[in-house]
Amino acid sequence: MYIYNVKIHTMNSRAEVIENGYIEITDGKIKKIAEGIPAGIDIDDFNGDGNLVYPGFIDAHTHLGLSGNGVGIEGEDLNEDSDPITPQIRVIDGINPLDRSFFEARAAGVTTVAVSPGSTNPVAGEIVCVKTAGKRIDKMIVKTVGMKLSLGENPKMTYLDKDNTPVTRMATAALIREALSKAKRYMEDKEKASNDSELDPPDYDIKNESLIPLLSGELKAHFHCHRADDIFTALRLSKEFNLDCVLVHCTEGHLIADELAEEKAAAIVGPIISDRSKPELANLTTKNAGILNNSGVKTAVCTDHSEVPVQYLPLSAAIAVKNGLDKESGIRSITSEAADILGVSDRVGSIEEGLDADLVMLNGEPLDLYSTVLKVWINGSKVYDISERNHKHERNKRGED
C-alpha cells in the first residue's frame, strides 16, 4: 500500500522532511520512503492531496483504559491501595481497550500510549506501551517498558487515611529500598543456586520476581515525583540500585534543571493543562518543559489521562511550545523523544524504514489548534478517517443507520 502526494515529516534523527513524497507499507511496516509519485498506484492506495504526514503521536504517561470513561468506582482500576508494595500488578489485566477514550485517542492521532498504574503505592506495578486500536489488549502491546514507583504526597495521603505506613516521605523511600533490597538478594540467591547444584533456590516470591527486570535494567524506573526534593530522592534511589530512571511529572524540574542536566535525566512532563490542585503543585508552570529541554534534559509531554483527556496531547505540547519549548522539540516531545524515553524507538516515534506504520495525516501543523486530523493508520491499517466519520454522522441524522 502507498500513501502518496504528501509532505512527510519523518521526525528522524536527521529531522528529514520530504516535500512531495510517498510511504510504502508492507505487512504493517514502513518499507520505503521516497520523493515523487510511486509507480503502480491502485484503488487501495491513498492520495494525500498535499497534506502533512507525521509519525503517530505518543502519550508517554497515561492511565488509559484503567480509569473508565464516564463511570464511577466500578470502572476505576488504576490503584490497588490495599498494599503499598505491589510490583506484581500487571496493567494489562486492568485495561479496557473498548473504553471510548481509545477512539478519542485515535481521532487525535495518538497511536501509542504508555499505560501506568496510579501513584498511591510506593511500588505500584508495571507500565506497558500499547497501541490505541484493537479489541484485545494482548494484541495491542508494544512492550512492557517500566515499573511505577511513587514519591511525595500521593502515597503519604493514601496510607495516612488507612493508619498504615507510609505516612512520611522517609517511610515511602524506605519501603522502596526494602523492596528493592529484598529483590536484589532474591535475584542473587537464584543466580547462586543456578550455578551450584548443592544450593536450593529461594522459595518463589511474585513480588521479588516482578522486580528482577527492573534491577537487571530490562525495565526503566518511572518515578512519580512533583517536588524538587522528591525528584532528588528518585535520583538517589536510582543510583543506589543502578536503575534506569525516568522522572514522571517532574513539576518542579524547572527549579533544578541544571542539576537534572548534569544527571542526564529524562522527564515526562504533564499534565500541562492543569490547576494547582494540591500542595506539591504550588510551583506548576507551563514553562517547565521548555526550561528542562533547553537545559539539556530529555523531555516528553504527557496528558496523564484521565487527568487531562488523551485527545489533548497535541494541545498540551502546543501550550509548552507557546511557553518556551521550541516547535521542533514540541513535536518530538510527543513522537521521537517520547519513544526514546520509553525505549520503544525501534518500533514507533518516527517515519523510518522497518518501523511500524503508525501515521497521522493532517491538513496543517500538529500543534496548530486549527489543524484537523484527517486519517490515522496503526500497523498499516486505517483506524480513523474523518470523511468516513462525517459521512456516517450525516447518515445517522437522516435515520439511515
Protein backbone atom coordinates (compact mmCIF):
# COMPACT_ATOMS: atom_id res chain seq x y z
CA MET A 1 0.00 0.00 0.00
CA TYR A 2 1.11 3.54 -0.77
CA ILE A 3 0.34 6.84 0.89
CA TYR A 4 1.43 9.39 -1.70
CA ASN A 5 1.29 13.05 -2.63
CA VAL A 6 2.09 14.06 0.95
CA LYS A 7 4.61 16.21 2.83
CA ILE A 8 6.38 13.75 5.12
CA HIS A 9 7.78 14.93 8.46
CA THR A 10 9.87 11.90 9.40
CA MET A 11 10.92 13.17 12.88
CA ASN A 12 14.01 11.02 12.43
CA SER A 13 17.44 11.94 13.81
CA ARG A 14 18.18 13.98 10.67
CA ALA A 15 14.91 15.93 11.00
CA GLU A 16 14.26 14.97 7.38
CA VAL A 17 11.24 16.47 5.62
CA ILE A 18 10.16 15.19 2.19
CA GLU A 19 8.15 17.90 0.48
CA ASN A 20 6.33 15.70 -2.04
CA GLY A 21 6.76 12.06 -1.28
CA TYR A 22 5.25 8.70 -0.60
CA ILE A 23 5.35 5.95 2.00
CA GLU A 24 5.20 2.30 1.04
CA ILE A 25 3.68 -0.02 3.65
CA THR A 26 4.02 -3.81 3.71
CA ASP A 27 2.78 -6.15 6.45
CA GLY A 28 2.15 -3.27 8.82
CA LYS A 29 5.70 -1.89 8.49
CA ILE A 30 7.18 1.05 6.63
CA LYS A 31 9.02 -0.46 3.68
CA LYS A 32 10.10 2.66 1.82
CA ILE A 33 10.01 6.46 1.99
CA ALA A 34 10.83 8.43 -1.12
CA GLU A 35 10.30 11.58 -3.17
CA GLY A 36 7.82 11.71 -6.01
CA ILE A 37 4.90 9.51 -7.01
CA PRO A 38 5.16 5.70 -6.81
CA ALA A 39 4.59 3.53 -9.83
CA GLY A 40 1.60 1.20 -9.98
CA ILE A 41 -0.91 3.12 -7.87
CA ASP A 42 -4.19 1.25 -7.38
CA ILE A 43 -7.53 1.69 -5.63
CA ASP A 44 -6.20 0.60 -2.23
CA ASP A 45 -3.62 3.41 -2.13
CA PHE A 46 -4.19 6.83 -0.58
CA ASN A 47 -3.72 10.16 -2.33
CA GLY A 48 -2.84 12.62 0.42
CA ASP A 49 -3.70 15.69 -1.70
CA GLY A 50 -0.63 17.54 -0.45
CA ASN A 51 -1.46 17.15 3.25
CA LEU A 52 1.09 16.56 6.01
CA VAL A 53 2.04 13.16 7.42
CA TYR A 54 3.73 12.67 10.79
CA PRO A 55 4.50 9.59 12.87
CA GLY A 56 1.62 8.69 15.15
CA PHE A 57 1.68 10.65 18.39
CA ILE A 58 2.84 9.01 21.63
CA ASP A 59 1.50 9.82 25.08
CA ALA A 60 4.30 8.77 27.39
CA HIS A 61 2.27 8.64 30.62
CA THR A 62 -1.43 7.80 30.89
CA HIS A 63 -3.92 5.66 32.77
CA LEU A 64 -5.88 4.98 29.58
CA GLY A 65 -8.36 2.15 29.99
CA LEU A 66 -7.72 1.85 33.73
CA SER A 67 -9.92 4.76 34.69
CA GLY A 68 -13.25 4.18 32.96
CA ASN A 69 -14.71 6.96 30.86
CA GLY A 70 -17.98 8.24 32.31
CA VAL A 71 -18.28 5.69 35.14
CA GLY A 72 -17.64 5.64 38.86
CA ILE A 73 -15.73 3.32 41.17
CA GLU A 74 -16.74 0.20 39.22
CA GLY A 75 -14.63 1.49 36.33
CA GLU A 76 -11.63 2.57 38.42
CA ASP A 77 -8.80 0.05 38.24
CA LEU A 78 -5.65 2.13 38.49
CA ASN A 79 -4.83 1.99 42.23
CA GLU A 80 -4.52 -1.25 44.21
CA ASP A 81 -4.18 0.58 47.51
CA SER A 82 -4.63 -2.44 49.77
CA ASP A 83 -0.85 -2.87 49.99
CA PRO A 84 1.87 -0.22 49.49
CA ILE A 85 4.20 -2.62 47.63
CA THR A 86 2.60 -4.18 44.53
CA PRO A 87 5.25 -4.74 41.82
CA GLN A 88 3.35 -7.86 40.71
CA ILE A 89 0.48 -5.73 39.34
CA ARG A 90 0.20 -6.06 35.54
CA VAL A 91 -1.77 -3.21 33.99
CA ILE A 92 -2.87 -5.34 31.04
CA ASP A 93 -5.13 -7.18 33.48
CA GLY A 94 -7.00 -3.93 34.12
CA ILE A 95 -7.04 -2.10 30.76
CA ASN A 96 -10.38 -1.91 28.95
CA PRO A 97 -9.50 -1.32 25.26
CA LEU A 98 -13.16 -0.77 24.40
CA ASP A 99 -13.29 2.35 26.55
CA ARG A 100 -14.40 5.32 24.44
CA SER A 101 -11.16 7.16 25.21
CA PHE A 102 -9.25 4.81 22.91
CA PHE A 103 -11.33 6.05 19.97
CA GLU A 104 -10.77 9.65 21.06
CA ALA A 105 -7.03 8.98 21.16
CA ARG A 106 -7.03 7.61 17.61
CA ALA A 107 -9.13 10.50 16.33
CA ALA A 108 -6.49 12.90 17.70
CA GLY A 109 -3.64 10.99 16.06
CA VAL A 110 -2.43 9.36 19.30
CA THR A 111 -1.43 5.86 18.21
CA THR A 112 0.71 4.68 21.14
CA VAL A 113 0.31 5.26 24.87
CA ALA A 114 2.20 4.19 27.96
CA VAL A 115 -0.35 2.95 30.48
CA SER A 116 0.70 3.09 34.12
CA PRO A 117 -0.90 2.11 37.40
CA GLY A 118 -1.74 5.01 39.70
CA SER A 119 0.51 6.68 42.24
CA THR A 120 -0.91 5.61 45.60
CA ASN A 121 1.75 2.92 46.13
CA PRO A 122 5.49 3.44 46.60
CA VAL A 123 5.93 0.43 44.29
CA ALA A 124 2.84 0.30 42.12
CA GLY A 125 3.36 -2.17 39.26
CA GLU A 126 4.46 -2.48 35.67
CA ILE A 127 3.95 0.03 32.86
CA VAL A 128 3.15 -1.10 29.33
CA CYS A 129 3.13 0.63 25.94
CA VAL A 130 0.10 -0.24 23.84
CA LYS A 131 -1.38 0.79 20.51
CA THR A 132 -4.71 2.60 20.68
CA ALA A 133 -6.53 0.33 18.20
CA GLY A 134 -7.84 -3.14 18.98
CA LYS A 135 -10.35 -5.18 20.92
CA ARG A 136 -7.97 -7.41 22.85
CA ILE A 137 -5.17 -5.82 24.87
CA ASP A 138 -2.84 -8.81 24.34
CA LYS A 139 -2.70 -7.94 20.63
CA MET A 140 -2.13 -4.21 21.24
CA ILE A 141 1.03 -4.44 23.33
CA VAL A 142 4.20 -2.83 22.04
CA LYS A 143 6.38 -3.58 25.05
CA THR A 144 6.45 -3.61 28.82
CA VAL A 145 8.59 -0.56 29.47
CA GLY A 146 8.79 0.21 33.16
CA MET A 147 7.97 -0.20 36.82
CA LYS A 148 5.95 2.54 38.51
CA LEU A 149 7.34 3.94 41.77
CA SER A 150 5.73 6.85 43.61
CA LEU A 151 7.07 9.55 45.89
CA GLY A 152 5.61 12.52 47.71
CA GLU A 153 2.07 13.42 48.55
CA ASN A 154 0.03 10.62 46.96
CA PRO A 155 1.36 7.58 48.87
CA LYS A 156 1.57 9.65 52.07
CA MET A 157 -2.07 10.74 51.96
CA THR A 158 -3.34 7.34 50.84
CA TYR A 159 -1.87 5.42 53.77
CA LEU A 160 -2.37 8.20 56.32
CA ASP A 161 -6.10 7.67 55.82
CA LYS A 162 -5.59 3.94 56.37
CA ASP A 163 -3.48 4.41 59.52
CA ASN A 164 -0.72 2.43 57.81
CA THR A 165 2.84 3.06 56.61
CA PRO A 166 3.98 5.15 54.79
CA VAL A 167 2.83 8.46 56.23
CA THR A 168 6.09 10.35 55.60
CA ARG A 169 8.42 10.81 52.63
CA MET A 170 11.09 8.99 54.66
CA ALA A 171 8.93 5.90 55.05
CA THR A 172 7.99 5.94 51.34
CA ALA A 173 11.65 5.87 50.33
CA ALA A 174 12.41 3.24 52.98
CA LEU A 175 9.71 0.92 51.67
CA ILE A 176 11.10 1.23 48.14
CA ARG A 177 14.61 0.50 49.43
CA GLU A 178 13.37 -2.51 51.37
CA ALA A 179 11.52 -3.94 48.38
CA LEU A 180 14.48 -3.46 46.05
CA SER A 181 16.97 -4.83 48.58
CA LYS A 182 14.89 -7.97 49.09
CA ALA A 183 14.54 -8.45 45.36
CA LYS A 184 18.28 -7.95 44.84
CA ARG A 185 19.06 -10.60 47.47
CA TYR A 186 16.45 -12.93 45.95
CA MET A 187 17.95 -12.44 42.48
CA GLU A 188 21.47 -13.15 43.78
CA ASP A 189 20.31 -16.29 45.61
CA LYS A 190 18.61 -17.56 42.45
CA GLU A 191 21.77 -16.98 40.46
CA LYS A 192 23.93 -18.77 43.05
CA ALA A 193 21.56 -21.75 43.07
CA SER A 194 21.62 -21.94 39.28
CA ASN A 195 25.43 -22.19 39.38
CA ASP A 196 25.67 -24.61 42.32
CA SER A 197 23.59 -27.79 42.33
CA GLU A 198 24.05 -28.16 46.08
CA LEU A 199 22.22 -24.91 46.79
CA ASP A 200 18.43 -24.72 46.85
CA PRO A 201 16.83 -21.76 45.05
CA PRO A 202 14.78 -19.39 47.20
CA ASP A 203 11.07 -20.05 47.51
CA TYR A 204 9.12 -18.42 44.71
CA ASP A 205 8.06 -14.86 45.55
CA ILE A 206 5.98 -13.00 42.96
CA LYS A 207 6.94 -9.55 44.25
CA ASN A 208 10.65 -10.27 44.08
CA GLU A 209 10.29 -11.93 40.69
CA SER A 210 8.48 -8.86 39.37
CA LEU A 211 11.33 -6.55 40.43
CA ILE A 212 14.11 -8.56 38.78
CA PRO A 213 13.56 -6.94 35.32
CA LEU A 214 13.87 -3.53 36.98
CA LEU A 215 17.09 -4.40 38.81
CA SER A 216 18.59 -6.03 35.71
CA GLY A 217 17.88 -2.96 33.56
CA GLU A 218 15.28 -4.62 31.37
CA LEU A 219 12.66 -2.16 32.66
CA LYS A 220 13.00 1.54 33.47
CA ALA A 221 12.07 3.01 36.84
CA HIS A 222 9.26 5.52 36.27
CA PHE A 223 9.20 7.68 39.40
CA HIS A 224 6.07 9.73 40.11
CA CYS A 225 7.59 12.92 41.55
CA HIS A 226 6.48 16.55 41.63
CA ARG A 227 8.53 18.42 44.25
CA ALA A 228 12.25 19.05 43.78
CA ASP A 229 13.19 17.07 46.89
CA ASP A 230 11.16 14.09 45.63
CA ILE A 231 12.90 14.34 42.26
CA PHE A 232 16.26 14.14 44.00
CA THR A 233 15.05 11.16 46.05
CA ALA A 234 14.18 9.40 42.80
CA LEU A 235 17.70 10.04 41.52
CA ARG A 236 19.22 8.94 44.84
CA LEU A 237 17.33 5.64 44.85
CA SER A 238 18.18 5.09 41.19
CA LYS A 239 21.89 5.48 41.92
CA GLU A 240 21.71 3.15 44.92
CA PHE A 241 20.21 0.35 42.84
CA ASN A 242 21.59 1.26 39.40
CA LEU A 243 18.13 1.91 37.97
CA ASP A 244 17.39 3.49 34.59
CA CYS A 245 15.33 6.42 35.89
CA VAL A 246 12.50 8.36 34.23
CA LEU A 247 11.05 11.34 36.11
CA VAL A 248 7.28 11.39 35.64
CA HIS A 249 5.57 14.80 36.06
CA CYS A 250 8.81 16.45 37.28
CA THR A 251 6.72 19.50 38.16
CA GLU A 252 9.49 21.42 39.94
CA GLY A 253 12.10 20.33 37.41
CA HIS A 254 12.37 23.91 36.18
CA LEU A 255 13.78 24.90 39.59
CA ILE A 256 16.60 22.35 39.36
CA ALA A 257 17.07 21.99 35.60
CA ASP A 258 20.85 22.48 35.81
CA GLU A 259 21.15 19.60 38.30
CA LEU A 260 18.96 17.34 36.17
CA ALA A 261 21.01 18.12 33.07
CA GLU A 262 24.18 17.11 34.96
CA GLU A 263 22.49 13.81 35.82
CA LYS A 264 21.48 13.29 32.14
CA ALA A 265 17.93 12.87 33.41
CA ALA A 266 14.84 12.10 31.33
CA ALA A 267 11.49 13.67 32.18
CA ILE A 268 7.87 13.11 31.17
CA VAL A 269 6.19 16.45 31.87
CA GLY A 270 2.48 16.86 32.46
CA PRO A 271 -0.33 17.29 32.74
CA ILE A 272 0.26 20.70 31.17
CA ILE A 273 -3.42 21.72 31.23
CA SER A 274 -3.86 21.58 34.98
CA ASP A 275 -4.56 23.67 38.04
CA ARG A 276 -2.53 23.65 41.25
CA SER A 277 -4.85 21.14 42.85
CA LYS A 278 -2.60 20.07 45.72
CA PRO A 279 0.33 21.50 47.72
CA GLU A 280 3.11 19.81 45.76
CA LEU A 281 1.85 21.51 42.57
CA ALA A 282 2.45 25.01 44.03
CA ASN A 283 5.26 25.67 41.54
CA LEU A 284 3.47 24.27 38.48
CA THR A 285 4.26 26.26 35.32
CA THR A 286 3.67 25.82 31.61
CA LYS A 287 7.31 26.87 31.12
CA ASN A 288 8.57 23.64 32.69
CA ALA A 289 9.02 21.55 29.53
CA GLY A 290 10.82 24.36 27.73
CA ILE A 291 13.20 25.07 30.61
CA LEU A 292 14.04 21.39 31.01
CA ASN A 293 14.54 20.80 27.29
CA ASN A 294 16.59 23.97 26.82
CA SER A 295 18.82 22.89 29.73
CA GLY A 296 19.58 19.57 28.05
CA VAL A 297 17.09 17.30 29.81
CA LYS A 298 15.38 14.74 27.55
CA THR A 299 11.74 15.79 27.73
CA ALA A 300 8.43 14.28 26.65
CA VAL A 301 4.98 15.78 27.20
CA CYS A 302 2.07 13.71 28.52
CA THR A 303 -1.61 14.16 29.39
CA ASP A 304 -1.70 11.86 32.42
CA HIS A 305 -5.08 10.76 31.06
CA SER A 306 -7.66 10.89 32.58
CA GLU A 307 -6.33 13.96 34.44
CA VAL A 308 -6.34 15.59 31.00
CA PRO A 309 -8.17 13.67 28.25
CA VAL A 310 -5.75 11.90 25.93
CA GLN A 311 -7.02 13.72 22.82
CA TYR A 312 -5.46 16.94 24.15
CA LEU A 313 -1.90 15.61 23.86
CA PRO A 314 -1.05 17.81 20.81
CA LEU A 315 -2.66 20.80 22.54
CA SER A 316 -0.55 20.12 25.64
CA ALA A 317 2.61 20.14 23.51
CA ALA A 318 1.42 23.34 21.80
CA ILE A 319 0.99 25.08 25.16
CA ALA A 320 4.52 24.02 26.11
CA VAL A 321 5.77 25.48 22.81
CA LYS A 322 3.89 28.73 23.42
CA ASN A 323 5.72 28.96 26.74
CA GLY A 324 9.31 28.35 25.69
CA LEU A 325 9.73 24.88 24.18
CA ASP A 326 10.89 25.22 20.56
CA LYS A 327 8.45 23.91 17.95
CA GLU A 328 10.60 21.03 16.69
CA SER A 329 11.17 19.81 20.25
CA GLY A 330 7.46 20.20 20.93
CA ILE A 331 6.59 17.77 18.15
CA ARG A 332 9.41 15.45 19.19
CA SER A 333 8.07 15.50 22.76
CA ILE A 334 5.05 13.54 21.52
CA THR A 335 6.83 11.48 18.83
CA SER A 336 10.52 10.53 18.65
CA GLU A 337 11.65 11.85 22.06
CA ALA A 338 8.73 10.17 23.81
CA ALA A 339 9.60 6.90 22.05
CA ASP A 340 13.25 7.21 23.05
CA ILE A 341 12.46 7.88 26.71
CA LEU A 342 10.11 4.90 26.78
CA GLY A 343 12.59 2.64 25.00
CA VAL A 344 10.36 1.88 22.02
CA SER A 345 12.06 3.92 19.27
CA ASP A 346 12.81 0.70 17.40
CA ARG A 347 9.06 0.39 16.79
CA VAL A 348 7.44 3.83 16.84
CA GLY A 349 8.09 7.58 17.07
CA SER A 350 9.44 8.36 13.61
CA ILE A 351 8.82 7.55 9.95
CA GLU A 352 11.66 5.24 9.00
CA GLU A 353 12.04 2.02 7.08
CA GLY A 354 11.37 -1.02 9.25
CA LEU A 355 9.29 0.77 11.88
CA ASP A 356 5.59 0.24 12.50
CA ALA A 357 3.40 2.07 10.00
CA ASP A 358 1.76 4.31 12.62
CA LEU A 359 0.94 7.51 10.78
CA VAL A 360 -1.25 10.58 11.13
CA MET A 361 -2.31 12.81 8.22
CA LEU A 362 -3.28 16.41 8.96
CA ASN A 363 -4.21 19.47 6.94
CA GLY A 364 -1.80 21.63 8.96
CA GLU A 365 0.91 21.54 11.60
CA PRO A 366 0.03 19.24 14.54
CA LEU A 367 0.49 21.95 17.16
CA ASP A 368 -1.82 24.37 15.36
CA LEU A 369 -5.18 24.47 17.15
CA TYR A 370 -6.98 24.80 13.82
CA SER A 371 -5.34 21.78 12.17
CA THR A 372 -7.53 18.75 11.62
CA VAL A 373 -6.55 15.09 11.79
CA LEU A 374 -7.75 13.60 8.51
CA LYS A 375 -6.61 9.98 8.63
CA VAL A 376 -4.75 7.72 11.05
CA TRP A 377 -3.04 4.39 10.43
CA ILE A 378 -1.83 1.91 13.05
CA ASN A 379 0.32 -1.01 11.90
CA GLY A 380 -0.59 -0.01 8.34
CA SER A 381 -4.34 -0.32 8.88
CA LYS A 382 -6.53 2.76 8.65
CA VAL A 383 -8.15 3.23 12.05
CA TYR A 384 -9.61 6.72 11.60
CA ASP A 385 -10.87 8.69 8.61
CA ILE A 386 -12.66 11.98 9.18
CA SER A 387 -14.51 11.71 5.87
CA GLU A 388 -15.98 8.34 6.85
CA ARG A 389 -16.90 9.67 10.27
CA ASN A 390 -18.62 12.72 8.79
CA HIS A 391 -20.44 10.57 6.23
CA LYS A 392 -21.70 8.26 8.98
CA HIS A 393 -22.84 11.28 11.02
CA GLU A 394 -24.89 12.54 8.08
CA ARG A 395 -26.48 9.10 7.58
CA ASN A 396 -27.34 8.95 11.27
CA LYS A 397 -29.01 12.38 11.09
CA ARG A 398 -31.16 11.15 8.21
CA GLY A 399 -32.04 7.99 10.13
CA GLU A 400 -30.34 5.71 7.62
CA ASP A 401 -28.24 3.84 10.23
